[in-house]
């Protein structure tokens, strides 16, 4: 039996490169949710948003 592999596209970008570095955390959260992004951060506020709002977006 053969296997068919799907195509995965990975995109990684810093908030600064997107012009989002001055946005409030909540707007970044909403953008990540709308675009189905994974957010990688050391900012504890995103952990709080995750507990408050659930997911998506996923937070690491």
C-alpha atoms as a PDB file:
ATOM      1  CA  UNK A   1       0.000   0.000   0.000  1.00  0.00           C
ATOM      2  CA  UNK A   2       1.434   3.367  -0.995  1.00  0.00           C
ATOM      3  CA  UNK A   3       1.345   6.587   0.986  1.00  0.00           C
ATOM      4  CA  UNK A   4       0.464   9.951  -0.397  1.00  0.00           C
ATOM      5  CA  UNK A   5       2.108  12.898   1.363  1.00  0.00           C
ATOM      6  CA  UNK A   6       0.350  16.212   1.616  1.00  0.00           C
ATOM      7  CA  UNK A   7       2.066  19.526   1.030  1.00  0.00           C
ATOM      8  CA  UNK A   8       2.838  21.569   4.121  1.00  0.00           C
ATOM      9  CA  UNK A   9       3.782  25.190   3.757  1.00  0.00           C
ATOM     10  CA  UNK A  10       5.565  26.782   6.679  1.00  0.00           C
ATOM     11  CA  UNK A  11       5.831  30.511   7.097  1.00  0.00           C
ATOM     12  CA  UNK A  12       7.611  32.213   9.942  1.00  0.00           C
ATOM     13  CA  UNK A  13       7.825  35.931  10.400  1.00  0.00           C
ATOM     14  CA  UNK A  14       8.672  38.305  13.220  1.00  0.00           C
ATOM     15  CA  UNK A  15       5.995  40.779  14.262  1.00  0.00           C
ATOM     16  CA  UNK A  16       8.374  43.611  13.421  1.00  0.00           C
ATOM     17  CA  UNK A  17       8.611  42.459   9.798  1.00  0.00           C
ATOM     18  CA  UNK A  18       4.817  42.523   9.531  1.00  0.00           C
ATOM     19  CA  UNK A  19       4.610  45.962  11.125  1.00  0.00           C
ATOM     20  CA  UNK A  20       2.856  44.524  14.186  1.00  0.00           C
ATOM     21  CA  UNK A  21       5.500  45.331  16.789  1.00  0.00           C
ATOM     22  CA  UNK A  22       3.496  48.241  18.233  1.00  0.00           C
ATOM     23  CA  UNK A  23       0.075  46.563  18.210  1.00  0.00           C
ATOM     24  CA  UNK A  24      -1.656  45.588  21.449  1.00  0.00           C
ATOM     25  CA  UNK A  25      -1.489  41.890  22.339  1.00  0.00           C
ATOM     26  CA  UNK A  26      -5.221  41.475  21.779  1.00  0.00           C
ATOM     27  CA  UNK A  27      -4.973  42.661  18.138  1.00  0.00           C
ATOM     28  CA  UNK A  28      -2.082  40.267  17.502  1.00  0.00           C
ATOM     29  CA  UNK A  29      -4.193  37.513  19.090  1.00  0.00           C
ATOM     30  CA  UNK A  30      -7.177  38.286  16.855  1.00  0.00           C
ATOM     31  CA  UNK A  31      -4.969  38.345  13.746  1.00  0.00           C
ATOM     32  CA  UNK A  32      -3.465  34.979  14.702  1.00  0.00           C
ATOM     33  CA  UNK A  33      -6.926  33.554  15.259  1.00  0.00           C
ATOM     34  CA  UNK A  34      -8.266  34.872  11.954  1.00  0.00           C
ATOM     35  CA  UNK A  35      -5.267  33.580   9.962  1.00  0.00           C
ATOM     36  CA  UNK A  36      -4.960  30.293  11.909  1.00  0.00           C
ATOM     37  CA  UNK A  37      -1.418  31.120  13.054  1.00  0.00           C
ATOM     38  CA  UNK A  38       0.699  29.629  15.795  1.00  0.00           C
ATOM     39  CA  UNK A  39       2.178  32.332  18.050  1.00  0.00           C
ATOM     40  CA  UNK A  40       5.601  31.720  19.582  1.00  0.00           C
ATOM     41  CA  UNK A  41       6.310  34.153  22.415  1.00  0.00           C
ATOM     42  CA  UNK A  42       7.880  34.663  25.836  1.00  0.00           C
ATOM     43  CA  UNK A  43       5.177  37.213  26.718  1.00  0.00           C
ATOM     44  CA  UNK A  44       3.062  35.882  29.611  1.00  0.00           C
ATOM     45  CA  UNK A  45       0.100  38.007  28.463  1.00  0.00           C
ATOM     46  CA  UNK A  46      -0.485  35.564  25.616  1.00  0.00           C
ATOM     47  CA  UNK A  47      -0.730  32.676  28.083  1.00  0.00           C
ATOM     48  CA  UNK A  48      -3.375  34.685  29.939  1.00  0.00           C
ATOM     49  CA  UNK A  49      -5.261  35.324  26.687  1.00  0.00           C
ATOM     50  CA  UNK A  50      -5.113  31.618  25.920  1.00  0.00           C
ATOM     51  CA  UNK A  51      -6.697  30.778  29.266  1.00  0.00           C
ATOM     52  CA  UNK A  52      -9.311  33.493  28.867  1.00  0.00           C
ATOM     53  CA  UNK A  53     -10.216  33.021  25.185  1.00  0.00           C
ATOM     54  CA  UNK A  54      -9.218  29.445  24.356  1.00  0.00           C
ATOM     55  CA  UNK A  55      -7.765  28.662  20.953  1.00  0.00           C
ATOM     56  CA  UNK A  56      -7.062  29.213  18.080  1.00  0.00           C
ATOM     57  CA  UNK A  57      -4.500  30.630  17.905  1.00  0.00           C
ATOM     58  CA  UNK A  58      -2.159  28.161  19.494  1.00  0.00           C
ATOM     59  CA  UNK A  59       0.493  29.635  21.777  1.00  0.00           C
ATOM     60  CA  UNK A  60       3.988  28.300  22.409  1.00  0.00           C
END
